[in-house]
N, C-alpha and C. Protein backbone atom coordinates (compact mmCIF):
# COMPACT_ATOMS: atom_id res chain seq x y z
N MET A 1 7.14 16.12 1.16
CA MET A 1 5.59 15.31 1.62
C MET A 1 6.02 14.25 0.93
N ILE A 2 6.59 14.03 0.15
CA ILE A 2 6.88 13.21 -1.44
C ILE A 2 8.05 12.44 -0.85
N PHE A 3 9.42 13.64 -0.24
CA PHE A 3 10.48 13.37 0.25
C PHE A 3 10.98 12.20 1.07
N GLY A 4 9.69 12.99 1.56
CA GLY A 4 8.66 11.90 3.52
C GLY A 4 8.80 11.07 3.63
N LEU A 5 7.34 10.67 2.62
CA LEU A 5 6.91 9.39 2.10
C LEU A 5 8.00 8.25 2.01
N SER A 6 9.00 8.48 1.06
CA SER A 6 9.39 8.08 0.26
C SER A 6 10.70 7.67 1.05
N THR A 7 11.18 8.28 1.61
CA THR A 7 12.62 7.42 2.30
C THR A 7 11.46 7.14 3.38
N ALA A 8 10.62 7.30 4.17
CA ALA A 8 9.48 6.23 5.14
C ALA A 8 9.78 4.74 4.43
N LEU A 9 9.04 5.28 3.53
CA LEU A 9 9.04 3.73 2.49
C LEU A 9 10.41 3.00 3.04
N PHE A 10 11.13 3.60 1.74
CA PHE A 10 12.47 2.84 1.94
C PHE A 10 13.23 3.18 2.37
N SER A 11 13.64 2.84 3.88
CA SER A 11 13.62 2.82 4.97
C SER A 11 13.64 1.35 5.59
N PHE A 12 11.91 1.50 5.65
CA PHE A 12 11.02 0.20 5.80
C PHE A 12 11.89 -1.23 5.39
N ILE A 13 11.38 -0.73 3.83
CA ILE A 13 11.69 -1.64 3.25
C ILE A 13 13.26 -2.73 3.35
N ALA A 14 14.00 -0.85 3.12
CA ALA A 14 15.87 -2.17 3.87
C ALA A 14 15.92 -2.70 5.35
N TYR A 15 14.84 -1.92 5.63
CA TYR A 15 14.68 -2.65 7.31
C TYR A 15 14.10 -4.43 6.62
N ALA A 16 13.43 -4.33 6.45
CA ALA A 16 12.81 -5.41 5.14
C ALA A 16 13.99 -6.58 5.30
N GLY A 17 14.75 -6.31 4.71
CA GLY A 17 15.53 -6.64 4.00
C GLY A 17 17.03 -6.80 4.51
N GLY A 18 16.71 -6.61 6.26
CA GLY A 18 17.85 -6.86 7.06
C GLY A 18 19.02 -5.89 6.65
N GLY A 19 19.12 -3.90 5.96
CA GLY A 19 19.67 -3.16 6.04
C GLY A 19 20.71 -3.00 5.05
N GLU A 20 19.89 -4.14 3.82
CA GLU A 20 20.29 -3.88 2.39
C GLU A 20 18.91 -2.78 1.45
N TRP A 21 19.66 -2.13 0.85
CA TRP A 21 18.63 -1.59 -0.16
C TRP A 21 18.08 -2.49 -1.17
N ARG A 22 16.78 -3.07 -1.56
CA ARG A 22 16.22 -4.24 -2.58
C ARG A 22 15.49 -3.06 -3.20
N PRO A 23 15.26 -3.87 -4.10
CA PRO A 23 14.30 -3.08 -5.53
C PRO A 23 12.49 -3.32 -5.76
N LEU A 24 12.01 -2.30 -5.65
CA LEU A 24 10.74 -1.75 -5.34
C LEU A 24 9.48 -1.64 -6.59
N ARG A 25 8.60 -2.72 -6.48
CA ARG A 25 8.12 -2.70 -8.18
C ARG A 25 6.27 -1.79 -7.75
N ALA A 26 6.88 -0.70 -7.80
CA ALA A 26 4.87 0.08 -7.57
C ALA A 26 5.33 1.17 -8.04
N GLN A 27 3.77 1.94 -7.84
CA GLN A 27 3.31 2.33 -9.21
C GLN A 27 2.51 4.16 -7.60
N TYR A 28 3.13 5.78 -8.26
CA TYR A 28 2.24 6.19 -7.07
C TYR A 28 0.95 7.26 -8.16
N LEU A 29 0.16 7.49 -7.77
CA LEU A 29 -0.46 8.23 -8.10
C LEU A 29 -1.12 9.77 -6.49
N ILE A 30 -0.99 10.59 -7.25
CA ILE A 30 -1.42 11.70 -6.26
C ILE A 30 -3.17 12.32 -7.29
N HIS A 31 -3.04 12.37 -6.51
CA HIS A 31 -5.31 12.66 -6.78
C HIS A 31 -6.45 12.96 -5.49
N SER A 32 -7.39 13.48 -5.83
CA SER A 32 -8.06 13.80 -4.25
C SER A 32 -9.51 12.25 -4.85
N GLU A 33 -10.43 12.30 -3.53
CA GLU A 33 -11.33 11.51 -3.53
C GLU A 33 -10.93 10.19 -3.44
N THR A 34 -11.22 8.71 -4.56
CA THR A 34 -10.29 7.97 -4.05
C THR A 34 -9.60 6.81 -4.68
N ALA A 35 -8.68 6.29 -4.35
CA ALA A 35 -7.20 6.20 -5.97
C ALA A 35 -7.84 4.99 -6.55
N THR A 36 -9.83 4.84 -6.11
CA THR A 36 -10.20 3.85 -7.12
C THR A 36 -11.36 4.10 -7.38
N TYR A 37 -11.49 5.40 -7.19
CA TYR A 37 -12.14 6.42 -8.66
C TYR A 37 -11.98 8.06 -8.71
N PRO A 38 -10.55 8.04 -8.80
CA PRO A 38 -9.97 9.61 -8.80
C PRO A 38 -9.89 10.64 -9.35
N GLU A 39 -9.62 11.70 -8.44
CA GLU A 39 -9.78 12.77 -9.29
C GLU A 39 -8.71 13.83 -9.21
N ALA A 40 -8.98 14.79 -9.82
CA ALA A 40 -7.54 16.07 -9.75
C ALA A 40 -7.84 16.44 -8.74
N PRO A 41 -6.93 16.43 -7.47
CA PRO A 41 -5.66 17.17 -6.42
C PRO A 41 -6.57 18.54 -6.75
N THR A 42 -6.64 18.94 -5.55
CA THR A 42 -7.49 20.58 -5.37
C THR A 42 -6.09 20.86 -4.01
N LYS A 43 -6.36 22.58 -4.14
CA LYS A 43 -6.09 22.70 -2.82
C LYS A 43 -6.49 22.30 -1.48
N THR A 44 -7.33 22.19 -1.23
CA THR A 44 -8.26 21.28 -0.23
C THR A 44 -7.73 19.59 -0.31
N ASP A 45 -8.06 18.55 -1.12
CA ASP A 45 -8.12 17.70 -0.54
C ASP A 45 -7.02 17.30 -2.19
N ARG A 46 -5.56 16.40 -0.99
CA ARG A 46 -4.23 16.20 -2.34
C ARG A 46 -3.78 15.13 -1.27
N VAL A 47 -4.50 13.51 -2.60
CA VAL A 47 -3.44 12.26 -1.50
C VAL A 47 -3.05 12.10 -2.67
N VAL A 48 -1.68 11.01 -2.21
CA VAL A 48 -0.25 10.31 -2.50
C VAL A 48 -0.55 9.07 -2.18
N THR A 49 -0.78 8.46 -3.30
CA THR A 49 -1.46 6.79 -2.81
C THR A 49 -0.08 5.81 -3.76
N VAL A 50 0.99 4.99 -2.90
CA VAL A 50 1.20 4.49 -3.78
C VAL A 50 1.35 2.85 -3.42
N VAL A 51 0.90 2.46 -4.35
CA VAL A 51 0.48 1.10 -4.75
C VAL A 51 2.21 -0.24 -5.02
N ILE A 52 1.85 -1.40 -4.05
CA ILE A 52 3.80 -1.85 -4.18
C ILE A 52 2.99 -3.18 -4.16
N ASP A 53 3.79 -4.25 -5.08
CA ASP A 53 3.15 -5.52 -5.94
C ASP A 53 4.43 -6.60 -5.02
N GLY A 54 4.54 -7.85 -5.42
CA GLY A 54 5.46 -8.30 -5.23
C GLY A 54 6.24 -8.44 -3.55
N GLN A 55 8.09 -8.87 -4.11
CA GLN A 55 8.16 -9.28 -2.42
C GLN A 55 8.25 -7.69 -1.59
N GLY A 56 8.20 -6.54 -1.76
CA GLY A 56 7.91 -5.58 -0.69
C GLY A 56 7.31 -5.33 -0.51
N ALA A 57 5.80 -6.08 -1.18
CA ALA A 57 4.18 -6.00 -0.30
C ALA A 57 4.38 -7.58 0.00
N LYS A 58 4.93 -7.85 0.00
CA LYS A 58 5.23 -8.92 1.33
C LYS A 58 5.72 -8.49 2.33
N ASP A 59 7.17 -8.22 2.02
CA ASP A 59 7.67 -7.43 3.74
C ASP A 59 6.75 -6.96 3.92
N LEU A 60 6.11 -6.17 3.67
CA LEU A 60 5.22 -5.05 4.58
C LEU A 60 3.85 -5.88 4.86
N PHE A 61 3.38 -6.84 4.08
CA PHE A 61 2.16 -8.07 4.76
C PHE A 61 2.58 -8.43 5.94
N ASP A 62 4.15 -8.63 6.38
CA ASP A 62 4.45 -10.03 6.52
C ASP A 62 4.74 -9.60 8.33
N MET A 63 5.17 -7.50 8.26
CA MET A 63 5.41 -6.80 9.31
C MET A 63 4.66 -6.33 9.89
N ILE A 64 3.59 -6.16 9.05
CA ILE A 64 2.65 -4.87 9.94
C ILE A 64 1.21 -5.77 10.30
N GLY A 65 1.42 -6.94 10.35
CA GLY A 65 0.28 -7.91 11.35
C GLY A 65 -0.19 -7.42 12.25
N PRO A 66 -1.67 -7.81 12.82
CA PRO A 66 -1.79 -9.23 12.18
C PRO A 66 -2.76 -9.32 11.19
N ASP A 67 -3.59 -10.02 10.63
CA ASP A 67 -4.74 -9.90 9.77
C ASP A 67 -5.89 -9.41 10.11
N PHE A 68 -6.77 -8.59 9.50
CA PHE A 68 -7.93 -7.62 10.00
C PHE A 68 -8.90 -8.63 9.22
N HIS A 69 -9.85 -8.34 10.30
CA HIS A 69 -11.63 -8.96 9.76
C HIS A 69 -12.70 -8.18 10.05
N PRO A 70 -13.64 -7.68 8.80
CA PRO A 70 -13.14 -9.20 8.12
C PRO A 70 -12.44 -8.46 6.73
N THR A 71 -12.32 -9.72 5.77
CA THR A 71 -11.37 -8.84 4.55
C THR A 71 -12.36 -8.80 4.19
N CYS A 72 -11.75 -7.96 2.42
CA CYS A 72 -12.39 -7.45 1.49
C CYS A 72 -13.08 -8.35 1.03
N SER A 73 -12.34 -9.50 0.91
CA SER A 73 -12.12 -10.48 -0.39
C SER A 73 -13.33 -11.70 0.69
N SER A 74 -13.84 -11.95 -0.51
CA SER A 74 -14.38 -13.60 0.47
C SER A 74 -14.42 -14.97 -0.21
N GLU A 75 -12.87 -14.36 -0.95
CA GLU A 75 -12.22 -15.87 -1.29
C GLU A 75 -11.88 -16.17 -0.59
N LYS A 76 -11.43 -17.78 -0.15
CA LYS A 76 -10.83 -18.53 0.52
C LYS A 76 -9.46 -18.77 0.65
N GLY A 77 -8.84 -17.90 2.01
CA GLY A 77 -7.28 -18.03 1.66
C GLY A 77 -7.20 -16.45 1.42
N ASP A 78 -7.65 -15.74 1.23
CA ASP A 78 -7.36 -14.46 0.52
C ASP A 78 -7.50 -13.81 2.65
N ARG A 79 -6.16 -12.98 2.46
CA ARG A 79 -5.92 -11.82 3.34
C ARG A 79 -5.62 -10.12 3.76
N ASP A 80 -5.93 -10.02 4.97
CA ASP A 80 -6.14 -8.14 4.44
C ASP A 80 -6.13 -8.00 5.78
N ARG A 81 -4.40 -6.85 6.09
CA ARG A 81 -3.99 -6.35 7.43
C ARG A 81 -3.60 -5.01 7.23
N ARG A 82 -3.90 -3.94 8.21
CA ARG A 82 -4.43 -2.71 8.27
C ARG A 82 -3.44 -1.81 8.89
N LYS A 83 -2.64 -0.88 8.95
CA LYS A 83 -1.96 0.31 9.98
C LYS A 83 -2.74 1.68 9.78
N LYS A 84 -2.18 2.74 9.55
CA LYS A 84 -3.10 3.59 9.58
C LYS A 84 -1.71 3.72 8.71
N GLY A 85 -2.13 4.60 7.18
CA GLY A 85 -1.63 4.38 6.34
C GLY A 85 -1.02 3.38 5.08
N VAL A 86 -1.07 2.31 6.11
CA VAL A 86 -0.84 1.15 4.72
C VAL A 86 -2.02 -0.12 4.86
N GLU A 87 -2.53 -0.32 3.41
CA GLU A 87 -3.40 -0.99 3.98
C GLU A 87 -2.61 -2.15 2.81
N CYS A 88 -2.31 -3.83 3.23
CA CYS A 88 -2.16 -4.65 2.99
C CYS A 88 -2.64 -5.52 2.12
N SER A 89 -2.23 -6.39 1.22
CA SER A 89 -3.65 -7.83 0.96
C SER A 89 -2.82 -8.92 0.65
N TYR A 90 -3.36 -10.30 1.13
CA TYR A 90 -2.95 -11.33 0.04
C TYR A 90 -3.81 -12.16 -1.31
N THR A 91 -3.60 -12.16 -1.94
CA THR A 91 -4.43 -13.29 -2.61
C THR A 91 -3.98 -14.18 -2.96
N ALA A 92 -4.41 -15.76 -2.47
CA ALA A 92 -4.42 -17.05 -2.24
C ALA A 92 -4.66 -17.71 -3.66
N LYS A 93 -5.73 -17.71 -4.37
CA LYS A 93 -5.81 -17.60 -5.83
C LYS A 93 -5.85 -16.96 -7.00
N LEU A 94 -4.81 -16.33 -7.38
CA LEU A 94 -4.93 -15.26 -8.62
C LEU A 94 -5.50 -16.07 -9.76
N SER A 95 -5.75 -14.98 -10.48
CA SER A 95 -6.68 -15.26 -12.31
C SER A 95 -5.81 -14.27 -13.08
N ASP A 96 -4.15 -14.82 -13.25
CA ASP A 96 -3.42 -14.08 -14.30
C ASP A 96 -1.92 -14.30 -13.42
N PRO A 97 -1.46 -15.28 -14.19
CA PRO A 97 -0.12 -15.41 -13.79
C PRO A 97 0.79 -14.82 -13.59
N LYS A 98 0.79 -13.79 -14.11
CA LYS A 98 1.15 -12.30 -13.57
C LYS A 98 1.12 -11.50 -12.70
N ASP A 99 -0.16 -11.81 -12.16
CA ASP A 99 -0.04 -11.04 -10.82
C ASP A 99 0.38 -11.69 -9.46
N THR A 100 0.64 -10.95 -9.16
CA THR A 100 1.53 -12.11 -7.81
C THR A 100 0.41 -11.50 -6.44
N HIS A 101 0.92 -12.65 -5.20
CA HIS A 101 0.02 -12.70 -4.53
C HIS A 101 -0.30 -11.58 -3.25
N TYR A 102 0.59 -10.80 -3.30
CA TYR A 102 1.24 -9.86 -1.84
C TYR A 102 0.68 -8.63 -3.20
N ARG A 103 -0.24 -7.60 -2.44
CA ARG A 103 0.25 -6.02 -3.15
C ARG A 103 -0.11 -4.74 -1.50
N CYS A 104 0.25 -3.30 -1.31
CA CYS A 104 0.44 -2.71 -0.02
C CYS A 104 -0.11 -1.77 -0.72
N TRP A 105 -0.41 -0.89 -0.17
CA TRP A 105 -0.74 -0.02 -0.54
C TRP A 105 -0.32 0.81 0.51
N ILE A 106 -0.69 2.70 -0.26
CA ILE A 106 1.02 3.56 1.14
C ILE A 106 -0.04 4.87 1.15
N GLY A 107 -0.99 5.10 1.95
CA GLY A 107 -1.64 6.56 1.75
C GLY A 107 -1.28 8.06 2.51
N LEU A 108 -0.96 9.03 2.34
CA LEU A 108 -0.08 9.94 2.65
C LEU A 108 -1.54 11.42 2.05
N ASN A 109 -1.76 11.68 3.02
CA ASN A 109 -2.44 13.07 2.60
C ASN A 109 -1.95 14.40 2.70
N LEU A 110 -1.35 14.94 1.70
CA LEU A 110 -0.53 16.12 1.23
C LEU A 110 -0.45 17.14 2.14
N ARG A 111 -1.91 17.25 2.67
CA ARG A 111 -2.20 18.39 3.08
C ARG A 111 -1.29 19.13 4.53
N THR A 112 -1.63 17.75 5.41
CA THR A 112 -1.17 16.61 6.77
C THR A 112 -0.32 16.53 7.35
N GLY A 113 -0.17 15.49 6.04
CA GLY A 113 0.93 14.98 6.70
C GLY A 113 0.39 13.26 7.36
N GLU A 114 -0.87 13.12 7.39
CA GLU A 114 -0.58 11.90 8.05
C GLU A 114 -1.12 10.74 6.66
N GLY A 115 -1.44 9.64 7.57
CA GLY A 115 -1.14 8.62 6.94
C GLY A 115 -2.52 8.42 5.96
N ASP A 116 -2.84 7.99 5.05
CA ASP A 116 -4.49 8.34 4.28
C ASP A 116 -5.08 6.80 3.74
N VAL A 117 -5.04 6.27 3.70
CA VAL A 117 -5.05 5.12 2.62
C VAL A 117 -6.50 5.48 2.01
N ARG A 118 -6.26 5.64 0.36
CA ARG A 118 -7.94 5.89 0.47
C ARG A 118 -8.40 4.37 -1.42
N VAL A 119 -8.15 3.25 -1.00
CA VAL A 119 -8.66 2.25 -1.77
C VAL A 119 -10.11 1.40 -0.72
N SER A 120 -10.16 1.12 -1.90
CA SER A 120 -11.84 0.27 -1.58
C SER A 120 -11.76 -1.33 -2.05
N CYS A 121 -12.43 -1.71 -1.06
CA CYS A 121 -12.54 -3.50 -1.89
C CYS A 121 -13.49 -3.39 -2.99
């Protein structure tokens, strides 16, 4: 399952870069419940959530439009985009210079193989 997610994810990023492999700034979490308040995975509830920042997230954000309304944020200029298994956000005003404007979450239910993003606003 994880290999399948990785293959699909990296193939998608490669397409965004014109067929060339590009570096990806990402982390993953295997959990149950939500990624915001994760619990240990169980026999009946296992999800992998991958969070992507930077250029890779921007590439995904640009490809999965249009914007989703209402957004999670009330800040002017912030935007969200969602497709099954993928959620991306654009934050107009950064609170830390080390942050990036774009962030995406990709979720995969490890029992069913279906897209399953479990992040909250």
